[in-house]
């Protein structure tokens, strides 16, 4: 007797598709996390550099906002001749796909020595 195996590939594909979709979404989320982290680091570095040049905290923060992801919080503090810039950014996912799940934040910090004023 010979068994009919027609449709076996269709059934196997139907079982594998959810796993492929979950894997693809996971990779998209990780890429989004990496991009947000890099942008937060760049924003912190830009803010710290501007504040170290004797720019006001407001001017330095506005320069950082140009680089930072939307919804980021930027703070600048000065301690013992150094400037510390902190940026906290929500991770949103590709194309706003995880917009409602933006409870995860990345944080970046940059420190720069204040330049002397003459």
Protein backbone atom coordinates (compact mmCIF):
# COMPACT_ATOMS: atom_id res chain seq x y z
CA UNK A 1 0.00 0.00 0.00
CA UNK A 2 1.16 3.44 -0.84
CA UNK A 3 0.28 6.47 1.31
CA UNK A 4 -0.69 9.73 -0.25
CA UNK A 5 1.53 12.58 1.05
CA UNK A 6 0.02 15.39 -0.95
CA UNK A 7 -0.46 18.48 1.17
CA UNK A 8 2.38 17.61 3.57
CA UNK A 9 4.48 20.55 2.43
CA UNK A 10 1.53 22.89 2.86
CA UNK A 11 0.97 21.69 6.42
CA UNK A 12 4.67 22.02 7.28
CA UNK A 13 4.76 25.54 5.84
CA UNK A 14 1.65 26.52 7.78
CA UNK A 15 3.36 25.36 10.97
CA UNK A 16 6.61 27.24 10.19
CA UNK A 17 5.10 30.59 9.12
CA UNK A 18 4.30 31.86 12.63
CA UNK A 19 7.86 31.09 13.73
CA UNK A 20 9.27 32.93 10.72
CA UNK A 21 7.02 35.92 11.44
CA UNK A 22 8.09 36.02 15.10
CA UNK A 23 11.74 35.78 14.09
CA UNK A 24 11.36 38.63 11.57
CA UNK A 25 9.61 40.87 14.13
CA UNK A 26 12.30 40.09 16.70
CA UNK A 27 15.05 41.06 14.28
CA UNK A 28 13.20 44.27 13.35
CA UNK A 29 12.88 45.11 17.05
CA UNK A 30 16.60 44.52 17.66
CA UNK A 31 17.57 46.71 14.71
CA UNK A 32 15.25 49.43 16.02
CA UNK A 33 16.80 49.12 19.48
CA UNK A 34 20.30 49.49 18.02
CA UNK A 35 19.38 52.54 15.94
CA UNK A 36 17.71 54.24 18.91
CA UNK A 37 20.74 53.54 21.09
CA UNK A 38 23.18 54.99 18.55
CA UNK A 39 21.04 58.12 18.07
CA UNK A 40 20.81 58.61 21.87
CA UNK A 41 24.60 58.29 22.21
CA UNK A 42 25.14 60.80 19.39
CA UNK A 43 22.67 63.23 20.97
CA UNK A 44 24.37 62.99 24.37
CA UNK A 45 27.79 63.55 22.81
CA UNK A 46 26.56 66.54 20.76
CA UNK A 47 24.89 68.09 23.82
CA UNK A 48 27.96 67.62 26.03
CA UNK A 49 30.27 69.12 23.40
CA UNK A 50 28.05 72.17 22.92
CA UNK A 51 27.71 72.75 26.66
CA UNK A 52 31.48 72.37 27.13
CA UNK A 53 32.02 75.17 24.57
CA UNK A 54 30.26 77.51 27.00
CA UNK A 55 26.94 77.40 25.15
CA UNK A 56 23.95 77.73 27.45
CA UNK A 57 22.20 74.55 28.56
CA UNK A 58 19.19 75.49 26.42
CA UNK A 59 21.29 75.92 23.27
CA UNK A 60 23.14 72.67 23.93
CA UNK A 61 19.88 70.81 24.53
CA UNK A 62 18.38 72.14 21.30
CA UNK A 63 21.42 70.87 19.37
CA UNK A 64 20.99 67.47 21.01
CA UNK A 65 17.29 67.38 20.10
CA UNK A 66 18.21 67.63 16.42
CA UNK A 67 19.97 64.28 16.69
CA UNK A 68 17.89 62.54 19.36
CA UNK A 69 14.90 60.32 18.53
CA UNK A 70 11.43 61.81 19.00
CA UNK A 71 10.25 61.78 22.60
CA UNK A 72 13.75 61.88 24.10
CA UNK A 73 14.51 63.60 27.38
CA UNK A 74 17.81 65.48 27.55
CA UNK A 75 19.42 66.86 30.71
CA UNK A 76 22.66 68.78 31.21
CA UNK A 77 24.54 69.17 34.47
CA UNK A 78 27.87 70.76 35.32
CA UNK A 79 30.06 69.24 38.05
CA UNK A 80 33.64 70.20 38.95
CA UNK A 81 34.63 71.53 35.53
CA UNK A 82 32.88 68.82 33.54
CA UNK A 83 29.63 68.74 31.64
CA UNK A 84 27.42 65.65 31.85
CA UNK A 85 24.68 65.16 29.26
CA UNK A 86 22.09 62.41 29.69
CA UNK A 87 19.61 61.30 27.04
CA UNK A 88 16.73 58.89 27.61
CA UNK A 89 14.89 57.74 24.47
CA UNK A 90 11.90 55.44 23.99
CA UNK A 91 12.32 52.49 21.62
CA UNK A 92 9.43 52.54 19.16
CA UNK A 93 10.18 49.84 16.61
CA UNK A 94 10.26 50.04 12.83
CA UNK A 95 7.64 52.27 11.19
CA UNK A 96 5.92 52.77 14.55
CA UNK A 97 5.01 49.09 14.59
CA UNK A 98 5.52 48.85 18.34
CA UNK A 99 4.39 52.39 19.12
CA UNK A 100 2.05 51.31 21.89
CA UNK A 101 4.74 49.17 23.47
CA UNK A 102 7.22 52.03 23.87
CA UNK A 103 7.75 51.33 27.56
CA UNK A 104 11.40 50.38 26.94
CA UNK A 105 13.92 53.24 27.05
CA UNK A 106 17.61 53.42 26.25
CA UNK A 107 19.82 55.82 28.18
CA UNK A 108 23.08 57.40 27.05
CA UNK A 109 25.51 59.62 28.91
CA UNK A 110 28.40 61.74 27.68
CA UNK A 111 30.96 63.70 29.69
CA UNK A 112 33.10 66.56 28.40
CA UNK A 113 35.60 68.89 30.09
CA UNK A 114 34.51 72.53 30.15
CA UNK A 115 36.64 74.75 27.98
CA UNK A 116 38.24 77.68 29.77
CA UNK A 117 36.74 81.11 29.18
CA UNK A 118 39.10 83.99 28.58
